[in-house]
Protein backbone atom coordinates (compact mmCIF):
# COMPACT_ATOMS: atom_id res chain seq x y z
CA UNK A 1 -19.68 -0.56 -14.42
CA UNK A 2 -16.77 -2.42 -12.85
CA UNK A 3 -15.89 -0.07 -9.96
CA UNK A 4 -18.51 2.20 -8.51
CA UNK A 5 -18.06 5.34 -6.45
CA UNK A 6 -20.84 6.92 -4.39
CA UNK A 7 -21.04 9.81 -6.87
CA UNK A 8 -21.52 7.32 -9.74
CA UNK A 9 -24.25 5.41 -7.91
CA UNK A 10 -27.00 7.32 -9.76
CA UNK A 11 -25.65 5.98 -13.09
CA UNK A 12 -26.20 2.45 -11.73
CA UNK A 13 -29.71 3.32 -10.59
CA UNK A 14 -28.83 3.73 -6.90
CA UNK A 15 -28.81 6.65 -4.57
CA UNK A 16 -25.80 7.03 -2.29
CA UNK A 17 -27.80 5.64 0.60
CA UNK A 18 -29.05 2.86 -1.71
CA UNK A 19 -25.43 1.94 -2.45
CA UNK A 20 -24.66 1.77 1.27
CA UNK A 21 -27.76 -0.36 1.91
CA UNK A 22 -26.82 -2.68 -0.99
CA UNK A 23 -23.37 -3.03 0.55
CA UNK A 24 -24.91 -3.89 3.93
CA UNK A 25 -27.13 -6.45 2.17
CA UNK A 26 -24.11 -8.06 0.49
CA UNK A 27 -24.85 -7.06 -3.13
CA UNK A 28 -21.77 -4.81 -3.27
CA UNK A 29 -18.36 -5.03 -1.60
CA UNK A 30 -16.46 -2.03 -0.34
CA UNK A 31 -12.96 -2.55 -1.70
CA UNK A 32 -11.51 0.76 -0.51
CA UNK A 33 -12.63 4.14 0.72
CA UNK A 34 -15.18 5.34 -1.81
CA UNK A 35 -14.80 2.33 -4.14
CA UNK A 36 -17.38 -0.43 -4.46
CA UNK A 37 -17.69 -3.53 -6.62
CA UNK A 38 -20.53 -5.97 -7.24
CA UNK A 39 -20.31 -8.91 -4.83
CA UNK A 40 -20.73 -11.38 -7.71
CA UNK A 41 -17.85 -9.86 -9.74
CA UNK A 42 -14.93 -12.18 -10.55
CA UNK A 43 -12.03 -12.28 -8.11
CA UNK A 44 -9.50 -9.52 -8.58
CA UNK A 45 -6.63 -7.83 -6.76
CA UNK A 46 -8.24 -4.99 -4.82
CA UNK A 47 -4.95 -3.08 -4.44
CA UNK A 48 -4.49 -3.03 -8.22
CA UNK A 49 -8.09 -1.88 -8.67
CA UNK A 50 -7.69 0.89 -6.10
CA UNK A 51 -4.42 2.14 -7.60
CA UNK A 52 -5.84 2.18 -11.13
CA UNK A 53 -9.06 3.84 -9.96
CA UNK A 54 -7.34 6.54 -7.93
CA UNK A 55 -4.68 7.41 -10.54
CA UNK A 56 -4.92 6.72 -14.26
CA UNK A 57 -1.12 6.90 -14.51
CA UNK A 58 -0.49 4.44 -11.65
CA UNK A 59 2.37 2.13 -12.65
CA UNK A 60 3.50 -1.07 -10.91
CA UNK A 61 7.20 -0.76 -10.14
CA UNK A 62 10.13 -1.98 -8.04
CA UNK A 63 9.61 -5.22 -6.05
CA UNK A 64 5.96 -5.51 -7.13
CA UNK A 65 6.99 -5.35 -10.80
CA UNK A 66 9.79 -7.84 -10.24
CA UNK A 67 7.33 -10.16 -8.46
CA UNK A 68 4.88 -9.86 -11.38
CA UNK A 69 7.64 -10.98 -13.78
CA UNK A 70 8.67 -13.70 -11.29
CA UNK A 71 12.17 -12.24 -10.98
CA UNK A 72 12.24 -12.18 -7.20
CA UNK A 73 11.25 -14.39 -4.30
CA UNK A 74 10.50 -11.32 -2.18
CA UNK A 75 6.85 -10.84 -1.32
CA UNK A 76 6.38 -7.07 -1.19
CA UNK A 77 4.61 -5.90 1.97
CA UNK A 78 2.75 -3.32 -0.13
CA UNK A 79 1.99 -2.81 -3.81
CA UNK A 80 4.72 -0.54 -5.22
CA UNK A 81 3.10 2.09 -7.45
CA UNK A 82 4.91 4.90 -9.28
CA UNK A 83 3.26 8.19 -10.16
CA UNK A 84 4.87 11.31 -11.65
CA UNK A 85 6.71 13.56 -9.21
CA UNK A 86 4.59 16.55 -8.24
CA UNK A 87 1.38 14.51 -8.27
CA UNK A 88 -0.82 14.29 -5.23
CA UNK A 89 -0.50 10.95 -3.46
CA UNK A 90 -4.01 9.52 -3.10
CA UNK A 91 -5.37 8.75 0.34
CA UNK A 92 -6.27 5.15 0.88
CA UNK A 93 -6.54 2.33 3.36
CA UNK A 94 -4.94 -0.52 1.42
CA UNK A 95 -1.31 -1.56 1.31
CA UNK A 96 -0.04 0.65 -1.52
CA UNK A 97 3.42 2.24 -1.38
CA UNK A 98 3.29 5.32 -3.62
CA UNK A 99 6.62 6.33 -5.21
CA UNK A 100 7.19 9.64 -6.99
CA UNK A 101 9.26 9.21 -10.17
CA UNK A 102 10.70 12.02 -12.31
CA UNK A 103 8.27 13.17 -15.01
CA UNK A 104 11.07 13.21 -17.61
CA UNK A 105 11.67 9.45 -17.26
CA UNK A 106 8.25 8.34 -16.03
CA UNK A 107 7.17 6.73 -19.34
CA UNK A 108 10.52 4.99 -19.93
CA UNK A 109 9.80 1.24 -20.13
CA UNK A 110 6.12 1.71 -19.22
CA UNK A 111 3.40 -0.55 -20.60
CA UNK A 112 -0.11 -1.54 -19.57
CA UNK A 113 -1.65 -4.83 -18.48
CA UNK A 114 -5.23 -5.88 -17.81
CA UNK A 115 -6.19 -6.37 -14.19
CA UNK A 116 -7.36 -10.00 -14.03
CA UNK A 117 -11.05 -10.31 -13.22
CA UNK A 118 -11.87 -6.74 -14.31
CA UNK A 119 -12.18 -4.59 -17.40
CA UNK A 120 -9.56 -2.18 -16.04
CA UNK A 121 -5.90 -1.86 -16.89
CA UNK A 122 -2.90 -0.63 -14.93
CA UNK A 123 0.55 0.54 -15.96
CA UNK A 124 3.60 -1.62 -15.33
CA UNK A 125 7.27 -1.10 -15.99
CA UNK A 126 9.24 -3.56 -18.13
CA UNK A 127 11.52 -6.07 -16.39
CA UNK A 128 14.54 -4.02 -17.47
CA UNK A 129 13.11 -0.83 -15.95
CA UNK A 130 12.17 -2.64 -12.71
CA UNK A 131 15.73 -3.99 -12.41
CA UNK A 132 17.28 -0.57 -13.13
CA UNK A 133 14.94 1.07 -10.60
CA UNK A 134 15.86 -1.55 -7.99
CA UNK A 135 19.53 -0.59 -8.41
CA UNK A 136 18.71 3.13 -8.49
CA UNK A 137 16.67 2.89 -5.29
CA UNK A 138 18.81 0.23 -3.60
CA UNK A 139 18.91 2.22 -0.36
CA UNK A 140 15.13 1.98 -0.13
CA UNK A 141 14.47 -1.55 -1.42
CA UNK A 142 17.76 -3.26 -0.59
CA UNK A 143 20.75 -4.15 -2.74
CA UNK A 144 19.95 -7.86 -2.94
CA UNK A 145 16.61 -7.44 -4.72
CA UNK A 146 18.17 -5.83 -7.78
CA UNK A 147 21.13 -8.21 -7.85
CA UNK A 148 18.98 -11.34 -7.56
CA UNK A 149 16.47 -10.08 -10.14
CA UNK A 150 19.28 -9.28 -12.57
CA UNK A 151 20.79 -12.74 -12.09
CA UNK A 152 17.42 -14.44 -12.79
CA UNK A 153 16.70 -12.16 -15.76
CA UNK A 154 20.10 -12.99 -17.30
CA UNK A 155 19.53 -16.71 -16.67
CA UNK A 156 16.31 -16.46 -18.69
CA UNK A 157 18.15 -14.93 -21.64
CA UNK A 158 17.93 -11.21 -20.86
CA UNK A 159 20.28 -9.04 -22.90
CA UNK A 160 22.63 -6.84 -20.82
CA UNK A 161 22.56 -4.04 -23.41
CA UNK A 162 18.79 -3.68 -22.98
CA UNK A 163 18.99 -3.13 -19.21
CA UNK A 164 22.05 -0.87 -19.58
CA UNK A 165 20.25 1.28 -22.16
CA UNK A 166 17.50 2.00 -19.63
CA UNK A 167 19.91 2.34 -16.68
CA UNK A 168 21.96 4.93 -18.55
CA UNK A 169 18.86 7.14 -18.83
CA UNK A 170 18.08 6.96 -15.09
CA UNK A 171 20.03 8.71 -12.34
CA UNK A 172 22.16 6.59 -9.96
CA UNK A 173 21.45 3.32 -11.79
CA UNK A 174 24.18 2.81 -14.38
CA UNK A 175 27.32 2.45 -12.23
CA UNK A 176 26.03 -0.04 -9.63
CA UNK A 177 24.25 -2.08 -12.28
CA UNK A 178 27.38 -2.20 -14.46
CA UNK A 179 29.49 -3.45 -11.52
CA UNK A 180 27.07 -6.30 -10.84
CA UNK A 181 26.74 -7.12 -14.55
CA UNK A 182 30.52 -7.43 -14.82
CA UNK A 183 30.59 -9.73 -11.81
CA UNK A 184 27.78 -11.93 -13.14
CA UNK A 185 28.96 -12.24 -16.76
């Protein structure tokens, strides 16, 4: 088992107190509240593991998605994770910024990737969706992030019609993105 919770400790042959003692002894690492991993497990991003473990529909978005695709130089202060609006935001101690996205458009541009060093996967939005979301949420993430990501994406051969198709299906994304596209092309 890749990630272990205290309630799953019995499946691994440990009592809850045995799991805590094994953690004290260095055989397990506590990666977040209620989440443990073998100390000899390969290196992995604990924030990604926590997000995927807490919510099966967790999806990397905004600046974190743009950073994954190497479309921005911004280092996000927290992992940007989208979950459907109306969902309960999980409690946690790590640097995860939970964003509530409309259920009607939640799956638009969504895919899955493997979390390196684990057998888990996590959702991630396509580069086009991340760019459109950056324009849609420019008041929260800043105008420059979307503009710079769009410029880099176009430089790499991105097709404007692909990003506009997604932006036209999201609220408050189409008009600002179209203005910048016209200026850049």
